[in-house]
Amino acid sequence: MGATKTEHFSSKVNAIAALAKAMGHPARVAIVEHLLKVNGCICNDIVNELPLSQPTISQHLKALKEAGIIQGEVEGNSICYCINPKAIHKLEAYFGKLSSKLNTSNLNCCT
């Protein structure tokens, strides 16, 4: 498999790509939505909400945590997860900027 050559892009572009990649799976979107709904929870709560096994959910939680989208705190034998607002604000700012540019330009491409 070839190299992705991420070093050719700015740190800002790489950061947005990492966040988007982490959100690029329906299970991860569902986990984020669940965390927003309950304002934090432990892994077992998520297992009860989604039609996935505990090891699969743990892998998705790991990917979200590595990207910085969620944070986890050890509480006894469990980890309490919550949304990292900074990461969501970065995504919001990026996609808001894209949307704003689309709304202000006359793009007639492919129509």
N, C-alpha and C. Protein backbone atom coordinates (compact mmCIF):
# COMPACT_ATOMS: atom_id res chain seq x y z
N MET A 1 0.84 -1.17 0.00
CA MET A 1 0.00 0.00 0.00
C MET A 1 0.89 1.24 0.00
N GLY A 2 0.56 2.24 -0.77
CA GLY A 2 1.37 3.44 -0.91
C GLY A 2 1.24 4.38 0.28
N ALA A 3 2.19 5.28 0.38
CA ALA A 3 2.18 6.26 1.46
C ALA A 3 1.10 7.31 1.20
N THR A 4 0.54 7.85 2.27
CA THR A 4 -0.52 8.84 2.11
C THR A 4 0.04 10.24 1.87
N LYS A 5 1.31 10.45 2.15
CA LYS A 5 1.99 11.73 1.93
C LYS A 5 1.32 12.89 2.65
N THR A 6 0.88 12.64 3.88
CA THR A 6 0.23 13.69 4.66
C THR A 6 1.17 14.83 4.98
N GLU A 7 2.47 14.56 4.93
CA GLU A 7 3.44 15.62 5.24
C GLU A 7 3.41 16.75 4.21
N HIS A 8 2.78 16.53 3.08
CA HIS A 8 2.68 17.55 2.05
C HIS A 8 1.57 18.56 2.32
N PHE A 9 0.78 18.30 3.37
CA PHE A 9 -0.35 19.18 3.69
C PHE A 9 -0.13 19.87 5.01
N SER A 10 -0.82 20.98 5.19
CA SER A 10 -0.66 21.75 6.43
C SER A 10 -1.19 20.97 7.62
N SER A 11 -0.76 21.35 8.81
CA SER A 11 -1.24 20.69 10.02
C SER A 11 -2.74 20.91 10.19
N LYS A 12 -3.24 22.06 9.75
CA LYS A 12 -4.68 22.34 9.84
C LYS A 12 -5.47 21.39 8.94
N VAL A 13 -5.01 21.19 7.72
CA VAL A 13 -5.68 20.28 6.79
C VAL A 13 -5.63 18.85 7.33
N ASN A 14 -4.48 18.44 7.85
CA ASN A 14 -4.36 17.10 8.41
C ASN A 14 -5.25 16.91 9.63
N ALA A 15 -5.40 17.95 10.45
CA ALA A 15 -6.25 17.85 11.64
C ALA A 15 -7.71 17.67 11.25
N ILE A 16 -8.18 18.45 10.27
CA ILE A 16 -9.57 18.31 9.81
C ILE A 16 -9.78 16.92 9.19
N ALA A 17 -8.81 16.46 8.43
CA ALA A 17 -8.92 15.13 7.81
C ALA A 17 -9.00 14.03 8.86
N ALA A 18 -8.23 14.16 9.93
CA ALA A 18 -8.26 13.15 11.00
C ALA A 18 -9.62 13.15 11.70
N LEU A 19 -10.18 14.33 11.94
CA LEU A 19 -11.50 14.40 12.56
C LEU A 19 -12.57 13.81 11.64
N ALA A 20 -12.50 14.16 10.37
CA ALA A 20 -13.48 13.66 9.40
C ALA A 20 -13.36 12.14 9.25
N LYS A 21 -12.14 11.64 9.24
CA LYS A 21 -11.92 10.19 9.12
C LYS A 21 -12.52 9.47 10.32
N ALA A 22 -12.31 10.02 11.51
CA ALA A 22 -12.86 9.40 12.72
C ALA A 22 -14.39 9.38 12.69
N MET A 23 -14.99 10.39 12.09
CA MET A 23 -16.46 10.45 12.01
C MET A 23 -16.99 9.72 10.78
N GLY A 24 -16.11 9.10 10.01
CA GLY A 24 -16.48 8.47 8.75
C GLY A 24 -17.07 7.07 8.86
N HIS A 25 -17.58 6.70 10.00
CA HIS A 25 -18.21 5.39 10.15
C HIS A 25 -19.55 5.57 10.87
N PRO A 26 -20.61 4.93 10.39
CA PRO A 26 -21.92 5.12 11.01
C PRO A 26 -21.96 4.78 12.50
N ALA A 27 -21.18 3.78 12.92
CA ALA A 27 -21.17 3.43 14.35
C ALA A 27 -20.60 4.59 15.18
N ARG A 28 -19.59 5.26 14.64
CA ARG A 28 -18.99 6.38 15.38
C ARG A 28 -19.93 7.57 15.44
N VAL A 29 -20.64 7.80 14.35
CA VAL A 29 -21.66 8.86 14.35
C VAL A 29 -22.72 8.54 15.39
N ALA A 30 -23.14 7.28 15.45
CA ALA A 30 -24.16 6.87 16.43
C ALA A 30 -23.64 7.02 17.86
N ILE A 31 -22.37 6.70 18.08
CA ILE A 31 -21.78 6.86 19.41
C ILE A 31 -21.77 8.32 19.81
N VAL A 32 -21.35 9.19 18.91
CA VAL A 32 -21.32 10.63 19.21
C VAL A 32 -22.73 11.13 19.49
N GLU A 33 -23.68 10.73 18.68
CA GLU A 33 -25.07 11.16 18.91
C GLU A 33 -25.59 10.67 20.26
N HIS A 34 -25.24 9.44 20.63
CA HIS A 34 -25.66 8.91 21.93
C HIS A 34 -25.02 9.70 23.07
N LEU A 35 -23.73 9.99 22.94
CA LEU A 35 -23.05 10.77 23.99
C LEU A 35 -23.66 12.17 24.12
N LEU A 36 -24.04 12.77 23.01
CA LEU A 36 -24.69 14.07 23.07
C LEU A 36 -26.06 13.98 23.75
N LYS A 37 -26.76 12.89 23.47
CA LYS A 37 -28.09 12.71 24.04
C LYS A 37 -28.04 12.54 25.56
N VAL A 38 -27.08 11.76 26.04
CA VAL A 38 -27.01 11.47 27.48
C VAL A 38 -26.00 12.34 28.22
N ASN A 39 -25.24 13.14 27.47
CA ASN A 39 -24.23 14.03 28.05
C ASN A 39 -23.19 13.25 28.85
N GLY A 40 -22.69 12.18 28.26
CA GLY A 40 -21.66 11.36 28.88
C GLY A 40 -22.22 10.00 29.26
N CYS A 41 -21.41 8.97 29.25
CA CYS A 41 -21.85 7.64 29.67
C CYS A 41 -20.63 6.74 29.76
N ILE A 42 -20.85 5.49 30.15
CA ILE A 42 -19.77 4.52 30.18
C ILE A 42 -19.93 3.56 29.01
N CYS A 43 -18.91 2.81 28.73
CA CYS A 43 -18.91 1.93 27.56
C CYS A 43 -20.08 0.95 27.56
N ASN A 44 -20.40 0.38 28.70
CA ASN A 44 -21.50 -0.60 28.74
C ASN A 44 -22.82 0.02 28.36
N ASP A 45 -23.04 1.30 28.67
CA ASP A 45 -24.27 1.97 28.25
C ASP A 45 -24.35 2.02 26.74
N ILE A 46 -23.23 2.27 26.11
CA ILE A 46 -23.20 2.36 24.64
C ILE A 46 -23.47 0.98 24.04
N VAL A 47 -22.92 -0.06 24.65
CA VAL A 47 -23.15 -1.42 24.16
C VAL A 47 -24.64 -1.75 24.18
N ASN A 48 -25.35 -1.26 25.19
CA ASN A 48 -26.79 -1.52 25.28
C ASN A 48 -27.59 -0.73 24.24
N GLU A 49 -27.02 0.34 23.71
CA GLU A 49 -27.72 1.20 22.76
C GLU A 49 -27.51 0.81 21.31
N LEU A 50 -26.38 0.24 20.99
CA LEU A 50 -26.03 -0.05 19.59
C LEU A 50 -26.01 -1.54 19.32
N PRO A 51 -26.32 -1.94 18.10
CA PRO A 51 -26.34 -3.36 17.76
C PRO A 51 -24.96 -3.91 17.40
N LEU A 52 -23.98 -3.61 18.26
CA LEU A 52 -22.61 -4.05 18.03
C LEU A 52 -22.06 -4.70 19.29
N SER A 53 -21.05 -5.52 19.12
CA SER A 53 -20.44 -6.18 20.27
C SER A 53 -19.58 -5.18 21.06
N GLN A 54 -19.30 -5.54 22.30
CA GLN A 54 -18.49 -4.68 23.16
C GLN A 54 -17.09 -4.45 22.58
N PRO A 55 -16.41 -5.48 22.06
CA PRO A 55 -15.08 -5.22 21.48
C PRO A 55 -15.13 -4.27 20.27
N THR A 56 -16.18 -4.40 19.46
CA THR A 56 -16.33 -3.52 18.29
C THR A 56 -16.54 -2.08 18.75
N ILE A 57 -17.40 -1.89 19.73
CA ILE A 57 -17.64 -0.54 20.25
C ILE A 57 -16.37 0.03 20.87
N SER A 58 -15.62 -0.81 21.57
CA SER A 58 -14.35 -0.35 22.16
C SER A 58 -13.39 0.15 21.08
N GLN A 59 -13.34 -0.54 19.94
CA GLN A 59 -12.47 -0.10 18.85
C GLN A 59 -12.92 1.24 18.28
N HIS A 60 -14.23 1.43 18.16
CA HIS A 60 -14.75 2.71 17.67
C HIS A 60 -14.50 3.82 18.69
N LEU A 61 -14.66 3.53 19.96
CA LEU A 61 -14.36 4.51 21.00
C LEU A 61 -12.88 4.90 20.96
N LYS A 62 -12.03 3.93 20.74
CA LYS A 62 -10.59 4.18 20.65
C LYS A 62 -10.28 5.13 19.49
N ALA A 63 -10.90 4.89 18.34
CA ALA A 63 -10.67 5.75 17.17
C ALA A 63 -11.16 7.17 17.43
N LEU A 64 -12.33 7.29 18.06
CA LEU A 64 -12.86 8.63 18.37
C LEU A 64 -11.98 9.34 19.39
N LYS A 65 -11.48 8.59 20.36
CA LYS A 65 -10.62 9.20 21.39
C LYS A 65 -9.27 9.61 20.80
N GLU A 66 -8.69 8.78 19.96
CA GLU A 66 -7.41 9.11 19.33
C GLU A 66 -7.52 10.36 18.46
N ALA A 67 -8.67 10.56 17.83
CA ALA A 67 -8.89 11.74 17.00
C ALA A 67 -9.22 12.97 17.85
N GLY A 68 -9.51 12.75 19.13
CA GLY A 68 -9.82 13.87 20.01
C GLY A 68 -11.29 14.26 20.02
N ILE A 69 -12.13 13.46 19.41
CA ILE A 69 -13.56 13.80 19.35
C ILE A 69 -14.24 13.51 20.68
N ILE A 70 -13.76 12.47 21.37
CA ILE A 70 -14.29 12.19 22.70
C ILE A 70 -13.15 12.16 23.71
N GLN A 71 -13.51 12.27 24.96
CA GLN A 71 -12.57 12.18 26.06
C GLN A 71 -13.06 11.08 26.99
N GLY A 72 -12.15 10.43 27.69
CA GLY A 72 -12.54 9.38 28.61
C GLY A 72 -11.85 9.54 29.94
N GLU A 73 -12.60 9.24 30.99
CA GLU A 73 -12.08 9.33 32.35
C GLU A 73 -12.37 8.01 33.05
N VAL A 74 -11.37 7.44 33.70
CA VAL A 74 -11.56 6.19 34.41
C VAL A 74 -12.36 6.45 35.68
N GLU A 75 -13.43 5.67 35.85
CA GLU A 75 -14.25 5.72 37.07
C GLU A 75 -14.45 4.30 37.55
N GLY A 76 -13.63 3.88 38.49
CA GLY A 76 -13.68 2.50 38.97
C GLY A 76 -13.21 1.56 37.89
N ASN A 77 -14.06 0.60 37.53
CA ASN A 77 -13.71 -0.37 36.48
C ASN A 77 -14.18 0.07 35.11
N SER A 78 -14.78 1.24 35.01
CA SER A 78 -15.35 1.71 33.74
C SER A 78 -14.66 3.00 33.31
N ILE A 79 -14.93 3.38 32.07
CA ILE A 79 -14.46 4.65 31.54
C ILE A 79 -15.68 5.47 31.18
N CYS A 80 -15.74 6.67 31.69
CA CYS A 80 -16.84 7.58 31.38
C CYS A 80 -16.42 8.44 30.20
N TYR A 81 -17.14 8.35 29.10
CA TYR A 81 -16.82 9.09 27.89
C TYR A 81 -17.71 10.31 27.74
N CYS A 82 -17.15 11.36 27.16
CA CYS A 82 -17.94 12.54 26.83
C CYS A 82 -17.36 13.19 25.57
N ILE A 83 -18.13 14.07 24.98
CA ILE A 83 -17.72 14.78 23.76
C ILE A 83 -16.66 15.83 24.12
N ASN A 84 -15.67 15.98 23.24
CA ASN A 84 -14.70 17.05 23.37
C ASN A 84 -15.21 18.23 22.53
N PRO A 85 -15.74 19.26 23.18
CA PRO A 85 -16.33 20.37 22.42
C PRO A 85 -15.35 21.04 21.46
N LYS A 86 -14.06 21.07 21.78
CA LYS A 86 -13.08 21.71 20.90
C LYS A 86 -13.04 21.04 19.54
N ALA A 87 -13.09 19.73 19.52
CA ALA A 87 -13.05 19.00 18.24
C ALA A 87 -14.30 19.27 17.42
N ILE A 88 -15.44 19.28 18.09
CA ILE A 88 -16.70 19.53 17.38
C ILE A 88 -16.72 20.96 16.84
N HIS A 89 -16.18 21.90 17.60
CA HIS A 89 -16.13 23.29 17.13
C HIS A 89 -15.21 23.43 15.91
N LYS A 90 -14.13 22.64 15.88
CA LYS A 90 -13.24 22.67 14.71
C LYS A 90 -13.99 22.19 13.47
N LEU A 91 -14.74 21.10 13.62
CA LEU A 91 -15.53 20.58 12.49
C LEU A 91 -16.60 21.58 12.08
N GLU A 92 -17.26 22.15 13.07
CA GLU A 92 -18.30 23.14 12.80
C GLU A 92 -17.74 24.34 12.04
N ALA A 93 -16.59 24.84 12.48
CA ALA A 93 -15.98 25.99 11.82
C ALA A 93 -15.59 25.65 10.39
N TYR A 94 -15.01 24.46 10.19
CA TYR A 94 -14.59 24.07 8.85
C TYR A 94 -15.78 23.93 7.90
N PHE A 95 -16.79 23.16 8.32
CA PHE A 95 -17.93 22.96 7.44
C PHE A 95 -18.78 24.21 7.32
N GLY A 96 -18.78 25.05 8.34
CA GLY A 96 -19.47 26.34 8.25
C GLY A 96 -18.81 27.24 7.21
N LYS A 97 -17.47 27.21 7.19
CA LYS A 97 -16.73 27.99 6.19
C LYS A 97 -17.02 27.48 4.78
N LEU A 98 -17.06 26.17 4.63
CA LEU A 98 -17.40 25.60 3.32
C LEU A 98 -18.80 26.02 2.89
N SER A 99 -19.74 25.89 3.79
CA SER A 99 -21.12 26.25 3.49
C SER A 99 -21.25 27.72 3.14
N SER A 100 -20.55 28.56 3.88
CA SER A 100 -20.59 30.00 3.63
C SER A 100 -20.04 30.33 2.25
N LYS A 101 -18.94 29.67 1.88
CA LYS A 101 -18.36 29.90 0.55
C LYS A 101 -19.30 29.45 -0.55
N LEU A 102 -19.97 28.32 -0.33
CA LEU A 102 -20.93 27.85 -1.33
C LEU A 102 -22.10 28.81 -1.47
N ASN A 103 -22.54 29.37 -0.36
CA ASN A 103 -23.68 30.29 -0.38
C ASN A 103 -23.35 31.63 -1.02
N THR A 104 -22.07 32.02 -0.99
CA THR A 104 -21.70 33.32 -1.53
C THR A 104 -21.10 33.25 -2.93
N SER A 105 -20.84 32.06 -3.45
CA SER A 105 -20.28 31.97 -4.80
C SER A 105 -21.32 31.49 -5.78
N ASN A 106 -21.06 31.78 -7.02
CA ASN A 106 -21.93 31.36 -8.10
C ASN A 106 -21.37 30.08 -8.72
N LEU A 107 -21.56 29.00 -8.05
CA LEU A 107 -21.05 27.73 -8.57
C LEU A 107 -22.12 27.09 -9.44
N ASN A 108 -21.81 26.99 -10.70
CA ASN A 108 -22.72 26.33 -11.63
C ASN A 108 -22.08 25.08 -12.20
N CYS A 109 -21.14 24.55 -11.48
CA CYS A 109 -20.41 23.37 -11.91
C CYS A 109 -21.33 22.15 -11.96
N CYS A 110 -21.28 21.44 -13.03
CA CYS A 110 -21.98 20.15 -13.19
C CYS A 110 -23.49 20.26 -13.11
N THR A 111 -24.06 21.42 -13.33
CA THR A 111 -25.52 21.51 -13.32
C THR A 111 -26.03 22.03 -14.65
